[in-house]
C-alpha atoms as a PDB file:
ATOM      1  CA  MET A   1      29.897 -49.414  22.729  1.00  0.00           C
ATOM      2  CA  SER A   2      29.180 -47.024  19.887  1.00  0.00           C
ATOM      3  CA  ASN A   3      27.435 -47.922  16.695  1.00  0.00           C
ATOM      4  CA  GLU A   4      28.477 -45.909  13.671  1.00  0.00           C
ATOM      5  CA  SER A   5      27.546 -46.056  10.035  1.00  0.00           C
ATOM      6  CA  SER A   6      27.918 -43.783   7.086  1.00  0.00           C
ATOM      7  CA  SER A   7      26.333 -44.324   3.732  1.00  0.00           C
ATOM      8  CA  ALA A   8      24.702 -42.576   0.818  1.00  0.00           C
ATOM      9  CA  GLU A   9      21.626 -42.254   3.040  1.00  0.00           C
ATOM     10  CA  GLY A  10      23.431 -40.323   5.772  1.00  0.00           C
ATOM     11  CA  HIS A  11      25.438 -40.559   8.955  1.00  0.00           C
ATOM     12  CA  PHE A  12      24.386 -42.384  12.137  1.00  0.00           C
ATOM     13  CA  ARG A  13      26.167 -42.890  15.436  1.00  0.00           C
ATOM     14  CA  SER A  14      25.275 -43.802  19.001  1.00  0.00           C
ATOM     15  CA  ILE A  15      26.951 -41.413  21.419  1.00  0.00           C
ATOM     16  CA  ARG A  16      27.554 -41.306  25.157  1.00  0.00           C
ATOM     17  CA  ILE A  17      26.161 -38.504  27.293  1.00  0.00           C
ATOM     18  CA  GLU A  18      29.659 -37.099  27.825  1.00  0.00           C
ATOM     19  CA  THR A  19      30.210 -36.943  24.065  1.00  0.00           C
ATOM     20  CA  TYR A  20      26.867 -35.186  23.645  1.00  0.00           C
ATOM     21  CA  GLN A  21      27.778 -32.572  26.259  1.00  0.00           C
ATOM     22  CA  GLU A  22      31.199 -31.985  24.736  1.00  0.00           C
ATOM     23  CA  HIS A  23      30.230 -31.757  21.058  1.00  0.00           C
ATOM     24  CA  PHE A  24      26.665 -30.424  20.957  1.00  0.00           C
ATOM     25  CA  HIS A  25      25.547 -26.965  22.033  1.00  0.00           C
ATOM     26  CA  PRO A  26      22.167 -25.174  22.059  1.00  0.00           C
ATOM     27  CA  GLY A  27      21.085 -24.193  18.566  1.00  0.00           C
ATOM     28  CA  ASP A  28      23.517 -26.382  16.632  1.00  0.00           C
ATOM     29  CA  HIS A  29      21.302 -29.502  16.688  1.00  0.00           C
ATOM     30  CA  THR A  30      17.784 -30.698  17.425  1.00  0.00           C
ATOM     31  CA  LEU A  31      17.318 -32.914  20.485  1.00  0.00           C
ATOM     32  CA  VAL A  32      14.186 -35.035  20.035  1.00  0.00           C
ATOM     33  CA  ASP A  33      12.735 -36.833  23.067  1.00  0.00           C
ATOM     34  CA  VAL A  34      10.611 -39.751  21.852  1.00  0.00           C
ATOM     35  CA  ARG A  35       9.270 -40.899  25.228  1.00  0.00           C
ATOM     36  CA  GLU A  36       5.591 -40.958  26.121  1.00  0.00           C
ATOM     37  CA  THR A  37       3.877 -37.842  27.487  1.00  0.00           C
ATOM     38  CA  GLU A  38       3.935 -39.057  31.104  1.00  0.00           C
ATOM     39  CA  GLU A  39       7.680 -39.734  30.903  1.00  0.00           C
ATOM     40  CA  TRP A  40       8.314 -36.306  29.337  1.00  0.00           C
ATOM     41  CA  ALA A  41       6.303 -34.568  32.090  1.00  0.00           C
ATOM     42  CA  ALA A  42       8.382 -36.273  34.792  1.00  0.00           C
ATOM     43  CA  GLY A  43      11.502 -34.531  33.465  1.00  0.00           C
ATOM     44  CA  HIS A  44      13.388 -34.053  30.224  1.00  0.00           C
ATOM     45  CA  ILE A  45      16.754 -32.797  29.024  1.00  0.00           C
ATOM     46  CA  PRO A  46      16.737 -29.004  28.660  1.00  0.00           C
ATOM     47  CA  GLY A  47      16.229 -27.877  25.074  1.00  0.00           C
ATOM     48  CA  ALA A  48      14.574 -31.100  23.933  1.00  0.00           C
ATOM     49  CA  VAL A  49      11.481 -31.158  21.750  1.00  0.00           C
ATOM     50  CA  HIS A  50       8.870 -33.792  22.478  1.00  0.00           C
ATOM     51  CA  ILE A  51       7.675 -36.059  19.678  1.00  0.00           C
ATOM     52  CA  PRO A  52       6.548 -39.457  21.035  1.00  0.00           C
ATOM     53  CA  MET A  53       7.915 -42.432  19.110  1.00  0.00           C
ATOM     54  CA  ASN A  54       4.559 -43.538  17.733  1.00  0.00           C
ATOM     55  CA  THR A  55       3.937 -40.072  16.239  1.00  0.00           C
ATOM     56  CA  ILE A  56       7.314 -39.690  14.501  1.00  0.00           C
ATOM     57  CA  PRO A  57       5.981 -40.902  11.111  1.00  0.00           C
ATOM     58  CA  ILE A  58       3.431 -38.067  11.021  1.00  0.00           C
ATOM     59  CA  HIS A  59       5.494 -35.383  12.814  1.00  0.00           C
ATOM     60  CA  HIS A  60       9.023 -35.899  11.460  1.00  0.00           C
ATOM     61  CA  SER A  61       8.534 -32.838   9.235  1.00  0.00           C
ATOM     62  CA  GLU A  62       8.737 -30.733  12.425  1.00  0.00           C
ATOM     63  CA  ILE A  63      12.411 -31.730  12.766  1.00  0.00           C
ATOM     64  CA  PRO A  64      14.817 -29.531  10.769  1.00  0.00           C
ATOM     65  CA  LEU A  65      16.888 -31.331   8.140  1.00  0.00           C
ATOM     66  CA  ASP A  66      19.641 -28.690   8.110  1.00  0.00           C
ATOM     67  CA  LYS A  67      21.292 -29.611  11.408  1.00  0.00           C
ATOM     68  CA  PRO A  68      22.173 -32.791  13.296  1.00  0.00           C
ATOM     69  CA  VAL A  69      19.391 -34.612  15.126  1.00  0.00           C
ATOM     70  CA  VAL A  70      20.029 -36.263  18.499  1.00  0.00           C
ATOM     71  CA  VAL A  71      17.314 -38.697  19.593  1.00  0.00           C
ATOM     72  CA  VAL A  72      16.726 -39.612  23.247  1.00  0.00           C
ATOM     73  CA  CYS A  73      14.331 -41.874  25.139  1.00  0.00           C
ATOM     74  CA  ALA A  74      14.492 -43.425  28.603  1.00  0.00           C
ATOM     75  CA  HIS A  75      17.342 -45.918  28.074  1.00  0.00           C
ATOM     76  CA  GLY A  76      18.375 -45.689  24.415  1.00  0.00           C
ATOM     77  CA  TYR A  77      16.308 -48.457  22.817  1.00  0.00           C
ATOM     78  CA  ARG A  78      13.367 -46.530  21.386  1.00  0.00           C
ATOM     79  CA  SER A  79      15.687 -43.718  20.359  1.00  0.00           C
ATOM     80  CA  MET A  80      17.830 -46.229  18.451  1.00  0.00           C
ATOM     81  CA  GLU A  81      14.783 -47.312  16.438  1.00  0.00           C
ATOM     82  CA  VAL A  82      13.713 -43.729  15.770  1.00  0.00           C
ATOM     83  CA  SER A  83      17.276 -42.759  14.804  1.00  0.00           C
ATOM     84  CA  ARG A  84      17.406 -45.516  12.217  1.00  0.00           C
ATOM     85  CA  TYR A  85      13.964 -44.555  10.917  1.00  0.00           C
ATOM     86  CA  LEU A  86      14.963 -40.895  10.504  1.00  0.00           C
ATOM     87  CA  LEU A  87      18.111 -41.953   8.678  1.00  0.00           C
ATOM     88  CA  SER A  88      16.047 -44.186   6.365  1.00  0.00           C
ATOM     89  CA  ILE A  89      13.742 -41.327   5.371  1.00  0.00           C
ATOM     90  CA  GLY A  90      16.551 -38.960   4.479  1.00  0.00           C
ATOM     91  CA  PHE A  91      17.820 -37.212   7.593  1.00  0.00           C
ATOM     92  CA  PRO A  92      21.520 -36.649   6.851  1.00  0.00           C
ATOM     93  CA  GLU A  93      23.004 -36.718  10.366  1.00  0.00           C
ATOM     94  CA  VAL A  94      21.369 -38.602  13.254  1.00  0.00           C
ATOM     95  CA  TYR A  95      22.688 -39.557  16.690  1.00  0.00           C
ATOM     96  CA  ASN A  96      21.241 -41.865  19.337  1.00  0.00           C
ATOM     97  CA  LEU A  97      21.901 -40.785  22.938  1.00  0.00           C
ATOM     98  CA  GLU A  98      23.038 -43.919  24.769  1.00  0.00           C
ATOM     99  CA  GLU A  99      21.619 -44.487  28.276  1.00  0.00           C
ATOM    100  CA  GLY A 100      18.867 -41.933  27.557  1.00  0.00           C
ATOM    101  CA  THR A 101      17.283 -39.735  30.184  1.00  0.00           C
ATOM    102  CA  HIS A 102      17.873 -42.438  32.784  1.00  0.00           C
ATOM    103  CA  GLY A 103      21.637 -42.051  32.298  1.00  0.00           C
ATOM    104  CA  TRP A 104      21.217 -38.271  32.315  1.00  0.00           C
ATOM    105  CA  MET A 105      19.409 -38.434  35.678  1.00  0.00           C
ATOM    106  CA  MET A 106      21.918 -40.916  37.126  1.00  0.00           C
ATOM    107  CA  ARG A 107      24.621 -38.309  36.455  1.00  0.00           C
ATOM    108  CA  ARG A 108      22.467 -35.737  38.274  1.00  0.00           C
ATOM    109  CA  LEU A 109      22.382 -33.478  35.228  1.00  0.00           C
ATOM    110  CA  PRO A 110      19.668 -30.787  35.020  1.00  0.00           C
ATOM    111  CA  LEU A 111      16.136 -31.607  33.894  1.00  0.00           C
ATOM    112  CA  ASP A 112      13.259 -29.389  32.811  1.00  0.00           C
ATOM    113  CA  ARG A 113       9.760 -30.198  33.998  1.00  0.00           C
END
């Protein structure tokens, strides 16, 4: 089930992996992986940037504001929290990738290591 909201603060939506693949292409968004370093090293979605969840408050300035942000974690829970945080601090368009990297791997999609 998708969660969507739109307000003066910005736009937020949870999206499925298939929706991500269909609507997002390299360079038109920023994919932020918020998992821990060990999880990232085990494999991550190609093109993702790594900013662990607990460092987002001090590193969010590394994420461009001028394009959509897609947030991913292992299963979609941490990324949901980070997505809402980014929206609350002024990011205009934020998406949470449902099922996270676990769902990505279950579909046998490519990973970078």
